[in-house]
Amino acid sequence: MRLTIINGSPRGEASNTGALFSHFIRGFEETSGNRAEVLYIIKNLKTLNVLVDAFRTAEAVLLGFPLYVDTMPGSFKMFLEALEPLAGRDNNPPMGFLIQNGFPETYHNRFAARYMEKFAKRMGCRCFGSILKGGCEGLSIQPAFLTEKYFTYLYEIGKAFGERGVLDERLLEKLAQPEHLTSENIAQVVPFVNKALWDSQLEANGALEKSFDRPYQP
């Protein structure tokens, strides 16, 4: 199978979306004859026709993007709009989606997934499903005990897709956990996130003591 992956993160190759894709691709390409090509929207903002042509000739397409406060990046939306001339065309490729966000709850992604499934229908494409994951901010600095499990799930999802051409619902459900956080979870997660992600970055930039400043307060 020849899979065209389009990374819609404004961070491009350094994105959390790309980190997730890398494990999916590793599993996908274990099947002999499978090949994944990764293209980046951020690199083609002025030449979106390159991506439109790639979509036109693709055997199958997997689109990935992050949620920025519950919505897709504007550059990704531009790409979707550029596909309009292909809507309803015969032989449009089947398409699926990888949607991630930094909030711990995967439930945030469900609404974007519904939108994308409707988009696939409007394009006349068969939708083969969505890979959804929350808690993905700062993947490069998250400790291994947090990331190892869902990187393994992504590898297994990619391997199953490479073998059968379908996304394994059982694995998708496991990857998506937690869908919701309890109040007890939030009490544990928020201090950890503040310390491990934000405070460490503030400290590295010599600004930790300014974290509670209020420059616009009258």
N, C-alpha and C. Protein backbone atom coordinates (compact mmCIF):
# COMPACT_ATOMS: atom_id res chain seq x y z
N MET A 1 0.84 -1.20 0.00
CA MET A 1 0.00 0.00 0.00
C MET A 1 0.87 1.25 0.00
N ARG A 2 0.48 2.22 -0.76
CA ARG A 2 1.18 3.51 -0.77
C ARG A 2 0.31 4.51 -0.01
N LEU A 3 0.79 4.95 1.14
CA LEU A 3 0.04 5.84 2.02
C LEU A 3 0.63 7.23 1.99
N THR A 4 -0.20 8.22 1.67
CA THR A 4 0.22 9.62 1.69
C THR A 4 -0.21 10.24 3.01
N ILE A 5 0.76 10.67 3.80
CA ILE A 5 0.49 11.29 5.10
C ILE A 5 0.72 12.78 4.98
N ILE A 6 -0.27 13.55 5.37
CA ILE A 6 -0.15 15.01 5.32
C ILE A 6 -0.22 15.55 6.74
N ASN A 7 0.89 16.11 7.19
CA ASN A 7 1.02 16.65 8.53
C ASN A 7 0.58 18.11 8.51
N GLY A 8 -0.51 18.39 9.22
CA GLY A 8 -1.07 19.74 9.22
C GLY A 8 -0.68 20.58 10.41
N SER A 9 0.36 20.18 11.13
CA SER A 9 0.80 20.97 12.28
C SER A 9 1.66 22.15 11.84
N PRO A 10 1.42 23.35 12.38
CA PRO A 10 2.28 24.50 12.08
C PRO A 10 3.73 24.30 12.52
N ARG A 11 3.98 23.31 13.37
CA ARG A 11 5.34 23.03 13.83
C ARG A 11 6.12 22.15 12.87
N GLY A 12 5.46 21.63 11.86
CA GLY A 12 6.14 20.86 10.84
C GLY A 12 6.82 19.61 11.36
N GLU A 13 8.09 19.43 10.99
CA GLU A 13 8.81 18.21 11.33
C GLU A 13 9.05 18.08 12.83
N ALA A 14 9.04 19.19 13.56
CA ALA A 14 9.29 19.15 15.00
C ALA A 14 8.01 19.01 15.81
N SER A 15 6.92 18.67 15.17
CA SER A 15 5.61 18.67 15.82
C SER A 15 5.34 17.41 16.62
N ASN A 16 4.42 17.53 17.58
CA ASN A 16 3.93 16.36 18.30
C ASN A 16 3.15 15.45 17.35
N THR A 17 2.46 16.05 16.39
CA THR A 17 1.75 15.25 15.38
C THR A 17 2.74 14.36 14.64
N GLY A 18 3.89 14.92 14.27
CA GLY A 18 4.91 14.15 13.58
C GLY A 18 5.48 13.03 14.44
N ALA A 19 5.63 13.29 15.73
CA ALA A 19 6.13 12.25 16.63
C ALA A 19 5.18 11.07 16.68
N LEU A 20 3.88 11.34 16.73
CA LEU A 20 2.89 10.26 16.72
C LEU A 20 2.91 9.51 15.39
N PHE A 21 3.00 10.25 14.29
CA PHE A 21 3.05 9.62 12.98
C PHE A 21 4.23 8.67 12.86
N SER A 22 5.36 9.04 13.44
CA SER A 22 6.57 8.23 13.26
C SER A 22 6.38 6.82 13.77
N HIS A 23 5.65 6.66 14.86
CA HIS A 23 5.42 5.32 15.41
C HIS A 23 4.39 4.56 14.59
N PHE A 24 3.38 5.26 14.10
CA PHE A 24 2.40 4.63 13.20
C PHE A 24 3.11 4.12 11.94
N ILE A 25 3.96 4.95 11.37
CA ILE A 25 4.67 4.59 10.13
C ILE A 25 5.58 3.39 10.36
N ARG A 26 6.23 3.36 11.51
CA ARG A 26 7.13 2.23 11.81
C ARG A 26 6.38 0.91 11.74
N GLY A 27 5.16 0.88 12.30
CA GLY A 27 4.36 -0.33 12.23
C GLY A 27 3.82 -0.59 10.83
N PHE A 28 3.38 0.47 10.16
CA PHE A 28 2.79 0.35 8.83
C PHE A 28 3.77 -0.24 7.83
N GLU A 29 5.01 0.22 7.88
CA GLU A 29 6.01 -0.20 6.89
C GLU A 29 6.64 -1.56 7.19
N GLU A 30 6.22 -2.19 8.28
CA GLU A 30 6.71 -3.55 8.53
C GLU A 30 6.16 -4.54 7.52
N THR A 31 5.01 -4.24 6.94
CA THR A 31 4.45 -5.12 5.91
C THR A 31 5.16 -4.86 4.60
N SER A 32 5.65 -5.89 3.99
CA SER A 32 6.40 -5.77 2.74
C SER A 32 5.58 -5.07 1.67
N GLY A 33 6.19 -4.11 1.00
CA GLY A 33 5.53 -3.37 -0.08
C GLY A 33 4.84 -2.11 0.37
N ASN A 34 4.69 -1.91 1.67
CA ASN A 34 4.06 -0.68 2.17
C ASN A 34 5.07 0.46 2.20
N ARG A 35 4.59 1.63 1.82
CA ARG A 35 5.45 2.81 1.84
C ARG A 35 4.63 4.03 2.22
N ALA A 36 5.14 4.82 3.15
CA ALA A 36 4.47 6.04 3.59
C ALA A 36 5.28 7.26 3.17
N GLU A 37 4.63 8.22 2.54
CA GLU A 37 5.26 9.49 2.19
C GLU A 37 4.64 10.58 3.05
N VAL A 38 5.48 11.38 3.71
CA VAL A 38 5.00 12.43 4.60
C VAL A 38 5.21 13.79 3.95
N LEU A 39 4.13 14.57 3.87
CA LEU A 39 4.17 15.92 3.35
C LEU A 39 3.70 16.89 4.43
N TYR A 40 4.17 18.14 4.35
CA TYR A 40 3.89 19.11 5.40
C TYR A 40 3.17 20.33 4.83
N ILE A 41 2.04 20.65 5.43
CA ILE A 41 1.29 21.82 4.98
C ILE A 41 2.10 23.09 5.20
N ILE A 42 2.78 23.19 6.35
CA ILE A 42 3.49 24.42 6.67
C ILE A 42 4.59 24.73 5.65
N LYS A 43 5.12 23.70 5.00
CA LYS A 43 6.16 23.90 3.98
C LYS A 43 5.57 24.26 2.62
N ASN A 44 4.26 24.11 2.48
CA ASN A 44 3.63 24.32 1.17
C ASN A 44 2.49 25.33 1.21
N LEU A 45 2.55 26.25 2.17
CA LEU A 45 1.45 27.22 2.29
C LEU A 45 1.28 28.06 1.02
N LYS A 46 2.39 28.34 0.35
CA LYS A 46 2.30 29.14 -0.88
C LYS A 46 2.15 28.28 -2.12
N THR A 47 2.23 26.98 -1.94
CA THR A 47 2.11 26.06 -3.08
C THR A 47 1.20 24.89 -2.69
N LEU A 48 0.01 25.21 -2.21
CA LEU A 48 -0.91 24.16 -1.77
C LEU A 48 -1.30 23.23 -2.91
N ASN A 49 -1.12 23.69 -4.15
CA ASN A 49 -1.43 22.83 -5.30
C ASN A 49 -0.57 21.57 -5.30
N VAL A 50 0.63 21.66 -4.69
CA VAL A 50 1.49 20.47 -4.57
C VAL A 50 0.79 19.41 -3.74
N LEU A 51 0.17 19.84 -2.64
CA LEU A 51 -0.53 18.90 -1.78
C LEU A 51 -1.83 18.42 -2.42
N VAL A 52 -2.50 19.30 -3.13
CA VAL A 52 -3.73 18.91 -3.83
C VAL A 52 -3.41 17.84 -4.87
N ASP A 53 -2.31 18.01 -5.60
CA ASP A 53 -1.90 17.01 -6.59
C ASP A 53 -1.54 15.69 -5.91
N ALA A 54 -0.89 15.77 -4.75
CA ALA A 54 -0.54 14.56 -4.02
C ALA A 54 -1.79 13.82 -3.57
N PHE A 55 -2.79 14.58 -3.15
CA PHE A 55 -4.08 13.98 -2.76
C PHE A 55 -4.74 13.33 -3.97
N ARG A 56 -4.70 14.01 -5.08
CA ARG A 56 -5.36 13.53 -6.31
C ARG A 56 -4.82 12.17 -6.74
N THR A 57 -3.53 11.96 -6.59
CA THR A 57 -2.90 10.74 -7.08
C THR A 57 -2.65 9.70 -6.00
N ALA A 58 -3.09 9.98 -4.78
CA ALA A 58 -2.80 9.08 -3.66
C ALA A 58 -3.62 7.80 -3.73
N GLU A 59 -3.04 6.75 -3.18
CA GLU A 59 -3.76 5.49 -3.03
C GLU A 59 -4.63 5.52 -1.77
N ALA A 60 -4.10 6.12 -0.71
CA ALA A 60 -4.82 6.33 0.55
C ALA A 60 -4.17 7.52 1.24
N VAL A 61 -4.97 8.28 2.01
CA VAL A 61 -4.47 9.50 2.63
C VAL A 61 -4.78 9.47 4.13
N LEU A 62 -3.79 9.88 4.93
CA LEU A 62 -3.97 10.05 6.37
C LEU A 62 -3.58 11.48 6.72
N LEU A 63 -4.56 12.25 7.18
CA LEU A 63 -4.34 13.65 7.53
C LEU A 63 -4.18 13.78 9.03
N GLY A 64 -3.18 14.53 9.48
CA GLY A 64 -2.96 14.71 10.91
C GLY A 64 -2.84 16.17 11.27
N PHE A 65 -3.39 16.53 12.43
CA PHE A 65 -3.28 17.91 12.90
C PHE A 65 -3.54 17.97 14.40
N PRO A 66 -3.07 19.05 15.05
CA PRO A 66 -3.36 19.27 16.47
C PRO A 66 -4.59 20.14 16.62
N LEU A 67 -5.21 20.07 17.78
CA LEU A 67 -6.24 21.04 18.13
C LEU A 67 -5.58 22.19 18.88
N TYR A 68 -5.92 23.38 18.48
CA TYR A 68 -5.48 24.57 19.21
C TYR A 68 -6.70 25.20 19.84
N VAL A 69 -6.89 24.91 21.17
CA VAL A 69 -8.07 25.34 21.90
C VAL A 69 -9.33 24.89 21.15
N ASP A 70 -9.41 23.61 20.92
CA ASP A 70 -10.58 22.92 20.38
C ASP A 70 -10.85 23.14 18.90
N THR A 71 -9.93 23.71 18.16
CA THR A 71 -10.16 23.86 16.73
C THR A 71 -8.88 23.55 15.95
N MET A 72 -9.01 23.30 14.66
CA MET A 72 -7.85 22.99 13.84
C MET A 72 -7.07 24.26 13.49
N PRO A 73 -5.77 24.14 13.18
CA PRO A 73 -4.99 25.31 12.76
C PRO A 73 -5.56 25.89 11.46
N GLY A 74 -5.45 27.20 11.32
CA GLY A 74 -5.95 27.87 10.12
C GLY A 74 -5.30 27.37 8.85
N SER A 75 -4.01 27.03 8.91
CA SER A 75 -3.31 26.54 7.73
C SER A 75 -3.88 25.20 7.27
N PHE A 76 -4.31 24.38 8.23
CA PHE A 76 -4.92 23.10 7.86
C PHE A 76 -6.27 23.33 7.19
N LYS A 77 -7.03 24.28 7.71
CA LYS A 77 -8.32 24.62 7.11
C LYS A 77 -8.12 25.15 5.68
N MET A 78 -7.07 25.90 5.46
CA MET A 78 -6.76 26.38 4.11
C MET A 78 -6.55 25.21 3.16
N PHE A 79 -5.85 24.18 3.64
CA PHE A 79 -5.62 23.01 2.80
C PHE A 79 -6.94 22.32 2.46
N LEU A 80 -7.81 22.16 3.45
CA LEU A 80 -9.11 21.53 3.18
C LEU A 80 -9.88 22.30 2.12
N GLU A 81 -9.84 23.62 2.20
CA GLU A 81 -10.57 24.45 1.23
C GLU A 81 -9.94 24.33 -0.16
N ALA A 82 -8.62 24.11 -0.21
CA ALA A 82 -7.95 23.96 -1.51
C ALA A 82 -8.35 22.66 -2.20
N LEU A 83 -8.89 21.70 -1.44
CA LEU A 83 -9.32 20.43 -2.03
C LEU A 83 -10.70 20.51 -2.68
N GLU A 84 -11.37 21.63 -2.54
CA GLU A 84 -12.75 21.75 -3.03
C GLU A 84 -12.93 21.34 -4.49
N PRO A 85 -11.99 21.69 -5.41
CA PRO A 85 -12.19 21.28 -6.81
C PRO A 85 -12.24 19.76 -7.01
N LEU A 86 -11.75 19.00 -6.04
CA LEU A 86 -11.75 17.54 -6.17
C LEU A 86 -12.99 16.89 -5.56
N ALA A 87 -13.85 17.68 -4.93
CA ALA A 87 -15.02 17.13 -4.26
C ALA A 87 -15.92 16.39 -5.24
N GLY A 88 -16.27 15.16 -4.88
CA GLY A 88 -17.16 14.36 -5.71
C GLY A 88 -16.51 13.71 -6.90
N ARG A 89 -15.20 13.88 -7.04
CA ARG A 89 -14.48 13.29 -8.19
C ARG A 89 -14.45 11.78 -8.07
N ASP A 90 -14.58 11.09 -9.17
CA ASP A 90 -14.45 9.63 -9.16
C ASP A 90 -13.03 9.24 -8.73
N ASN A 91 -12.94 8.18 -7.99
CA ASN A 91 -11.64 7.62 -7.58
C ASN A 91 -10.88 8.48 -6.58
N ASN A 92 -11.57 9.34 -5.83
CA ASN A 92 -10.88 10.01 -4.73
C ASN A 92 -10.41 8.96 -3.73
N PRO A 93 -9.24 9.18 -3.10
CA PRO A 93 -8.68 8.14 -2.23
C PRO A 93 -9.44 8.02 -0.91
N PRO A 94 -9.42 6.84 -0.29
CA PRO A 94 -9.95 6.73 1.07
C PRO A 94 -9.08 7.57 2.00
N MET A 95 -9.69 8.10 3.05
CA MET A 95 -8.94 8.97 3.93
C MET A 95 -9.27 8.70 5.40
N GLY A 96 -8.28 8.94 6.24
CA GLY A 96 -8.45 8.84 7.68
C GLY A 96 -7.72 10.00 8.34
N PHE A 97 -7.79 10.04 9.67
CA PHE A 97 -7.30 11.22 10.37
C PHE A 97 -6.59 10.85 11.66
N LEU A 98 -5.57 11.64 11.99
CA LEU A 98 -4.91 11.58 13.28
C LEU A 98 -5.06 12.96 13.92
N ILE A 99 -5.76 13.01 15.04
CA ILE A 99 -6.05 14.29 15.69
C ILE A 99 -5.55 14.20 17.13
N GLN A 100 -4.71 15.14 17.52
CA GLN A 100 -4.17 15.14 18.88
C GLN A 100 -4.30 16.52 19.49
N ASN A 101 -4.27 16.56 20.82
CA ASN A 101 -4.29 17.85 21.51
C ASN A 101 -3.48 17.75 22.79
N GLY A 102 -3.20 18.90 23.38
CA GLY A 102 -2.39 18.94 24.59
C GLY A 102 -3.17 18.70 25.86
N PHE A 103 -4.50 18.93 25.83
CA PHE A 103 -5.31 18.66 27.02
C PHE A 103 -5.30 17.16 27.32
N PRO A 104 -5.35 16.77 28.57
CA PRO A 104 -5.26 15.34 28.90
C PRO A 104 -6.44 14.52 28.38
N GLU A 105 -7.60 15.14 28.18
CA GLU A 105 -8.79 14.39 27.79
C GLU A 105 -8.91 14.27 26.27
N THR A 106 -9.01 13.04 25.79
CA THR A 106 -9.16 12.81 24.36
C THR A 106 -10.53 13.27 23.86
N TYR A 107 -11.50 13.39 24.74
CA TYR A 107 -12.87 13.76 24.33
C TYR A 107 -12.90 15.04 23.50
N HIS A 108 -11.96 15.96 23.74
CA HIS A 108 -11.89 17.20 22.97
C HIS A 108 -11.81 16.91 21.47
N ASN A 109 -11.15 15.82 21.11
CA ASN A 109 -10.93 15.50 19.70
C ASN A 109 -12.15 14.93 18.99
N ARG A 110 -13.13 14.44 19.74
CA ARG A 110 -14.27 13.76 19.14
C ARG A 110 -15.05 14.67 18.19
N PHE A 111 -15.16 15.94 18.53
CA PHE A 111 -15.96 16.85 17.72
C PHE A 111 -15.25 17.18 16.41
N ALA A 112 -13.92 17.35 16.49
CA ALA A 112 -13.15 17.56 15.27
C ALA A 112 -13.21 16.33 14.37
N ALA A 113 -13.21 15.13 14.98
CA ALA A 113 -13.29 13.89 14.20
C ALA A 113 -14.62 13.82 13.45
N ARG A 114 -15.70 14.23 14.09
CA ARG A 114 -17.01 14.23 13.41
C ARG A 114 -17.00 15.19 12.22
N TYR A 115 -16.38 16.33 12.42
CA TYR A 115 -16.27 17.29 11.31
C TYR A 115 -15.50 16.69 10.15
N MET A 116 -14.38 16.03 10.46
CA MET A 116 -13.56 15.46 9.40
C MET A 116 -14.25 14.30 8.69
N GLU A 117 -15.02 13.52 9.43
CA GLU A 117 -15.78 12.44 8.79
C GLU A 117 -16.82 13.02 7.83
N LYS A 118 -17.43 14.13 8.23
CA LYS A 118 -18.38 14.80 7.34
C LYS A 118 -17.66 15.37 6.12
N PHE A 119 -16.45 15.90 6.34
CA PHE A 119 -15.66 16.42 5.23
C PHE A 119 -15.34 15.31 4.23
N ALA A 120 -14.95 14.15 4.73
CA ALA A 120 -14.65 13.02 3.84
C ALA A 120 -15.87 12.66 3.00
N LYS A 121 -17.02 12.66 3.63
CA LYS A 121 -18.27 12.35 2.90
C LYS A 121 -18.53 13.38 1.81
N ARG A 122 -18.32 14.65 2.12
CA ARG A 122 -18.53 15.71 1.13
C ARG A 122 -17.54 15.60 -0.03
N MET A 123 -16.35 15.10 0.27
CA MET A 123 -15.35 14.92 -0.78
C MET A 123 -15.65 13.69 -1.64
N GLY A 124 -16.53 12.82 -1.13
CA GLY A 124 -16.80 11.57 -1.84
C GLY A 124 -15.74 10.52 -1.56
N CYS A 125 -15.09 10.63 -0.39
CA CYS A 125 -14.05 9.68 0.00
C CYS A 125 -14.58 8.71 1.06
N ARG A 126 -14.15 7.48 0.98
CA ARG A 126 -14.43 6.55 2.07
C ARG A 126 -13.56 6.94 3.26
N CYS A 127 -14.17 7.07 4.43
CA CYS A 127 -13.43 7.40 5.64
C CYS A 127 -13.10 6.11 6.38
N PHE A 128 -11.81 5.85 6.59
CA PHE A 128 -11.43 4.62 7.29
C PHE A 128 -11.19 4.84 8.78
N GLY A 129 -11.53 6.03 9.30
CA GLY A 129 -11.51 6.24 10.73
C GLY A 129 -10.55 7.30 11.22
N SER A 130 -10.53 7.47 12.54
CA SER A 130 -9.72 8.52 13.16
C SER A 130 -8.92 7.97 14.34
N ILE A 131 -7.66 8.38 14.39
CA ILE A 131 -6.78 8.07 15.52
C ILE A 131 -6.77 9.30 16.42
N LEU A 132 -7.22 9.16 17.66
CA LEU A 132 -7.39 10.31 18.54
C LEU A 132 -6.57 10.12 19.82
N LYS A 133 -5.90 11.19 20.24
CA LYS A 133 -5.12 11.12 21.47
C LYS A 133 -4.99 12.48 22.12
N GLY A 134 -5.28 12.56 23.42
CA GLY A 134 -5.04 13.76 24.20
C GLY A 134 -3.73 13.66 24.96
N GLY A 135 -3.38 14.73 25.67
CA GLY A 135 -2.19 14.72 26.50
C GLY A 135 -0.88 14.71 25.74
N CYS A 136 -0.86 15.32 24.55
CA CYS A 136 0.31 15.20 23.68
C CYS A 136 1.22 16.43 23.69
N GLU A 137 0.94 17.42 24.47
CA GLU A 137 1.83 18.58 24.50
C GLU A 137 3.17 18.18 25.13
N GLY A 138 4.25 18.61 24.51
CA GLY A 138 5.58 18.36 25.06
C GLY A 138 5.98 16.91 25.04
N LEU A 139 5.64 16.19 23.96
CA LEU A 139 6.00 14.76 23.90
C LEU A 139 7.50 14.54 24.05
N SER A 140 8.28 15.47 23.52
CA SER A 140 9.74 15.28 23.55
C SER A 140 10.32 15.38 24.95
N ILE A 141 9.59 15.99 25.88
CA ILE A 141 10.11 16.13 27.24
C ILE A 141 9.29 15.35 28.26
N GLN A 142 8.23 14.69 27.81
CA GLN A 142 7.47 13.85 28.73
C GLN A 142 8.30 12.62 29.10
N PRO A 143 8.21 12.17 30.33
CA PRO A 143 8.98 10.98 30.74
C PRO A 143 8.50 9.73 30.00
N ALA A 144 9.41 8.79 29.82
CA ALA A 144 9.12 7.58 29.03
C ALA A 144 7.95 6.79 29.59
N PHE A 145 7.78 6.79 30.92
CA PHE A 145 6.69 5.98 31.49
C PHE A 145 5.32 6.50 31.06
N LEU A 146 5.26 7.77 30.61
CA LEU A 146 4.01 8.31 30.11
C LEU A 146 3.80 8.01 28.62
N THR A 147 4.87 8.06 27.86
CA THR A 147 4.74 7.97 26.40
C THR A 147 4.89 6.55 25.84
N GLU A 148 5.58 5.68 26.54
CA GLU A 148 5.89 4.36 25.98
C GLU A 148 4.64 3.59 25.60
N LYS A 149 3.61 3.63 26.47
CA LYS A 149 2.41 2.84 26.21
C LYS A 149 1.70 3.31 24.95
N TYR A 150 1.49 4.63 24.80
CA TYR A 150 0.73 5.03 23.62
C TYR A 150 1.58 5.08 22.36
N PHE A 151 2.89 5.18 22.47
CA PHE A 151 3.73 4.99 21.28
C PHE A 151 3.62 3.55 20.78
N THR A 152 3.54 2.62 21.73
CA THR A 152 3.37 1.21 21.36
C THR A 152 2.03 0.98 20.69
N TYR A 153 0.98 1.60 21.22
CA TYR A 153 -0.35 1.48 20.60
C TYR A 153 -0.33 2.02 19.17
N LEU A 154 0.34 3.15 18.97
CA LEU A 154 0.40 3.73 17.62
C LEU A 154 1.15 2.82 16.67
N TYR A 155 2.22 2.22 17.14
CA TYR A 155 2.95 1.24 16.33
C TYR A 155 2.03 0.08 15.95
N GLU A 156 1.28 -0.43 16.91
CA GLU A 156 0.39 -1.57 16.66
C GLU A 156 -0.75 -1.18 15.74
N ILE A 157 -1.27 0.03 15.89
CA ILE A 157 -2.33 0.52 15.00
C ILE A 157 -1.80 0.61 13.57
N GLY A 158 -0.59 1.15 13.42
CA GLY A 158 0.02 1.24 12.09
C GLY A 158 0.28 -0.13 11.49
N LYS A 159 0.73 -1.08 12.31
CA LYS A 159 1.01 -2.42 11.83
C LYS A 159 -0.27 -3.10 11.35
N ALA A 160 -1.34 -2.96 12.14
CA ALA A 160 -2.61 -3.56 11.76
C ALA A 160 -3.16 -2.92 10.49
N PHE A 161 -3.00 -1.62 10.37
CA PHE A 161 -3.47 -0.94 9.16
C PHE A 161 -2.67 -1.38 7.95
N GLY A 162 -1.38 -1.56 8.13
CA GLY A 162 -0.54 -2.02 7.04
C GLY A 162 -0.88 -3.41 6.57
N GLU A 163 -1.33 -4.24 7.49
CA GLU A 163 -1.66 -5.62 7.16
C GLU A 163 -3.07 -5.78 6.59
N ARG A 164 -4.03 -5.01 7.15
CA ARG A 164 -5.44 -5.24 6.79
C ARG A 164 -6.14 -4.04 6.17
N GLY A 165 -5.49 -2.86 6.21
CA GLY A 165 -6.10 -1.68 5.63
C GLY A 165 -7.23 -1.09 6.45
N VAL A 166 -7.28 -1.45 7.74
CA VAL A 166 -8.31 -0.91 8.64
C VAL A 166 -7.64 -0.47 9.93
N LEU A 167 -8.29 0.48 10.62
CA LEU A 167 -7.82 0.91 11.92
C LEU A 167 -8.50 0.03 12.98
N ASP A 168 -7.70 -0.58 13.83
CA ASP A 168 -8.20 -1.51 14.83
C ASP A 168 -8.95 -0.75 15.93
N GLU A 169 -10.26 -0.95 16.03
CA GLU A 169 -11.08 -0.20 16.98
C GLU A 169 -10.67 -0.47 18.42
N ARG A 170 -10.27 -1.70 18.72
CA ARG A 170 -9.86 -2.04 20.08
C ARG A 170 -8.62 -1.24 20.48
N LEU A 171 -7.66 -1.14 19.57
CA LEU A 171 -6.44 -0.38 19.85
C LEU A 171 -6.72 1.12 19.91
N LEU A 172 -7.61 1.60 19.04
CA LEU A 172 -7.96 3.02 19.05
C LEU A 172 -8.57 3.41 20.39
N GLU A 173 -9.41 2.53 20.93
CA GLU A 173 -10.05 2.81 22.21
C GLU A 173 -9.03 2.85 23.34
N LYS A 174 -8.07 1.94 23.31
CA LYS A 174 -7.03 1.93 24.34
C LYS A 174 -6.16 3.18 24.25
N LEU A 175 -5.80 3.57 23.03
CA LEU A 175 -4.97 4.76 22.84
C LEU A 175 -5.67 6.01 23.35
N ALA A 176 -6.99 6.07 23.18
CA ALA A 176 -7.75 7.28 23.49
C ALA A 176 -7.89 7.54 24.99
N GLN A 177 -7.56 6.57 25.81
CA GLN A 177 -7.72 6.77 27.26
C GLN A 177 -6.73 7.80 27.78
N PRO A 178 -7.12 8.68 28.72
CA PRO A 178 -8.47 8.82 29.26
C PRO A 178 -9.35 9.72 28.39
N GLU A 179 -10.60 9.33 28.24
CA GLU A 179 -11.57 10.18 27.54
C GLU A 179 -11.90 11.40 28.40
N HIS A 180 -12.11 11.17 29.67
CA HIS A 180 -12.45 12.24 30.62
C HIS A 180 -11.58 12.09 31.87
N LEU A 181 -11.32 13.20 32.52
CA LEU A 181 -10.62 13.18 33.80
C LEU A 181 -11.61 13.41 34.93
N THR A 182 -11.42 12.67 36.02
CA THR A 182 -12.20 12.94 37.22
C THR A 182 -11.58 14.12 37.95
N SER A 183 -12.28 14.64 38.92
CA SER A 183 -11.73 15.76 39.69
C SER A 183 -10.45 15.34 40.41
N GLU A 184 -10.39 14.05 40.81
CA GLU A 184 -9.18 13.54 41.46
C GLU A 184 -8.02 13.50 40.47
N ASN A 185 -8.31 13.08 39.22
CA ASN A 185 -7.28 13.07 38.18
C ASN A 185 -6.73 14.47 37.95
N ILE A 186 -7.64 15.44 37.85
CA ILE A 186 -7.24 16.82 37.58
C ILE A 186 -6.33 17.35 38.68
N ALA A 187 -6.66 17.01 39.93
CA ALA A 187 -5.85 17.45 41.07
C ALA A 187 -4.44 16.89 40.99
N GLN A 188 -4.28 15.72 40.35
CA GLN A 188 -2.96 15.12 40.21
C GLN A 188 -2.24 15.62 38.96
N VAL A 189 -2.99 15.78 37.87
CA VAL A 189 -2.37 16.09 36.57
C VAL A 189 -1.91 17.54 36.48
N VAL A 190 -2.75 18.48 36.92
CA VAL A 190 -2.43 19.90 36.72
C VAL A 190 -1.11 20.30 37.39
N PRO A 191 -0.88 19.95 38.66
CA PRO A 191 0.42 20.31 39.26
C PRO A 191 1.60 19.68 38.51
N PHE A 192 1.43 18.43 38.05
CA PHE A 192 2.51 17.77 37.33
C PHE A 192 2.81 18.49 36.01
N VAL A 193 1.75 18.81 35.26
CA VAL A 193 1.93 19.51 33.99
C VAL A 193 2.58 20.86 34.20
N ASN A 194 2.11 21.59 35.20
CA ASN A 194 2.69 22.91 35.47
C ASN A 194 4.18 22.81 35.78
N LYS A 195 4.56 21.81 36.56
CA LYS A 195 5.96 21.69 36.97
C LYS A 195 6.82 21.12 35.85
N ALA A 196 6.34 20.04 35.21
CA ALA A 196 7.17 19.34 34.22
C ALA A 196 7.28 20.08 32.91
N LEU A 197 6.21 20.79 32.52
CA LEU A 197 6.21 21.45 31.22
C LEU A 197 6.47 22.95 31.33
N TRP A 198 5.55 23.65 31.98
CA TRP A 198 5.62 25.12 31.93
C TRP A 198 6.70 25.68 32.86
N ASP A 199 6.77 25.21 34.11
CA ASP A 199 7.75 25.76 35.03
C ASP A 199 9.18 25.49 34.55
N SER A 200 9.40 24.32 33.96
CA SER A 200 10.75 24.01 33.48
C SER A 200 11.16 24.94 32.34
N GLN A 201 10.20 25.29 31.48
CA GLN A 201 10.50 26.21 30.38
C GLN A 201 10.72 27.63 30.90
N LEU A 202 9.92 28.03 31.88
CA LEU A 202 10.10 29.36 32.48
C LEU A 202 11.47 29.45 33.16
N GLU A 203 11.84 28.38 33.86
CA GLU A 203 13.12 28.37 34.56
C GLU A 203 14.27 28.41 33.56
N ALA A 204 14.16 27.67 32.47
CA ALA A 204 15.22 27.65 31.46
C ALA A 204 15.42 29.02 30.83
N ASN A 205 14.38 29.83 30.82
CA ASN A 205 14.47 31.17 30.23
C ASN A 205 14.61 32.26 31.29
N GLY A 206 14.89 31.85 32.52
CA GLY A 206 15.12 32.81 33.58
C GLY A 206 13.90 33.64 33.93
N ALA A 207 12.71 33.06 33.79
CA ALA A 207 11.49 33.84 34.00
C ALA A 207 10.57 33.22 35.04
N LEU A 208 11.04 32.20 35.76
CA LEU A 208 10.16 31.51 36.70
C LEU A 208 9.60 32.44 37.76
N GLU A 209 10.44 33.36 38.24
CA GLU A 209 9.97 34.27 39.30
C GLU A 209 8.94 35.27 38.79
N LYS A 210 8.78 35.36 37.47
CA LYS A 210 7.82 36.30 36.89
C LYS A 210 6.51 35.61 36.47
N SER A 211 6.36 34.33 36.83
CA SER A 211 5.22 33.57 36.32
C SER A 211 3.87 34.09 36.81
N PHE A 212 3.87 34.82 37.94
CA PHE A 212 2.61 35.35 38.45
C PHE A 212 2.52 36.87 38.28
N ASP A 213 3.37 37.43 37.44
CA ASP A 213 3.29 38.87 37.17
C ASP A 213 1.98 39.22 36.48
N ARG A 214 1.51 40.45 36.70
CA ARG A 214 0.27 40.93 36.10
C ARG A 214 0.55 42.29 35.43
N PRO A 215 1.20 42.25 34.27
CA PRO A 215 1.63 43.52 33.65
C PRO A 215 0.50 44.41 33.20
N TYR A 216 -0.68 43.87 32.99
CA TYR A 216 -1.80 44.69 32.52
C TYR A 216 -2.79 45.04 33.63
N GLN A 217 -2.46 44.68 34.87
CA GLN A 217 -3.37 45.02 35.96
C GLN A 217 -3.28 46.53 36.23
N PRO A 218 -4.43 47.18 36.34
CA PRO A 218 -4.42 48.64 36.63
C PRO A 218 -3.71 48.95 37.94
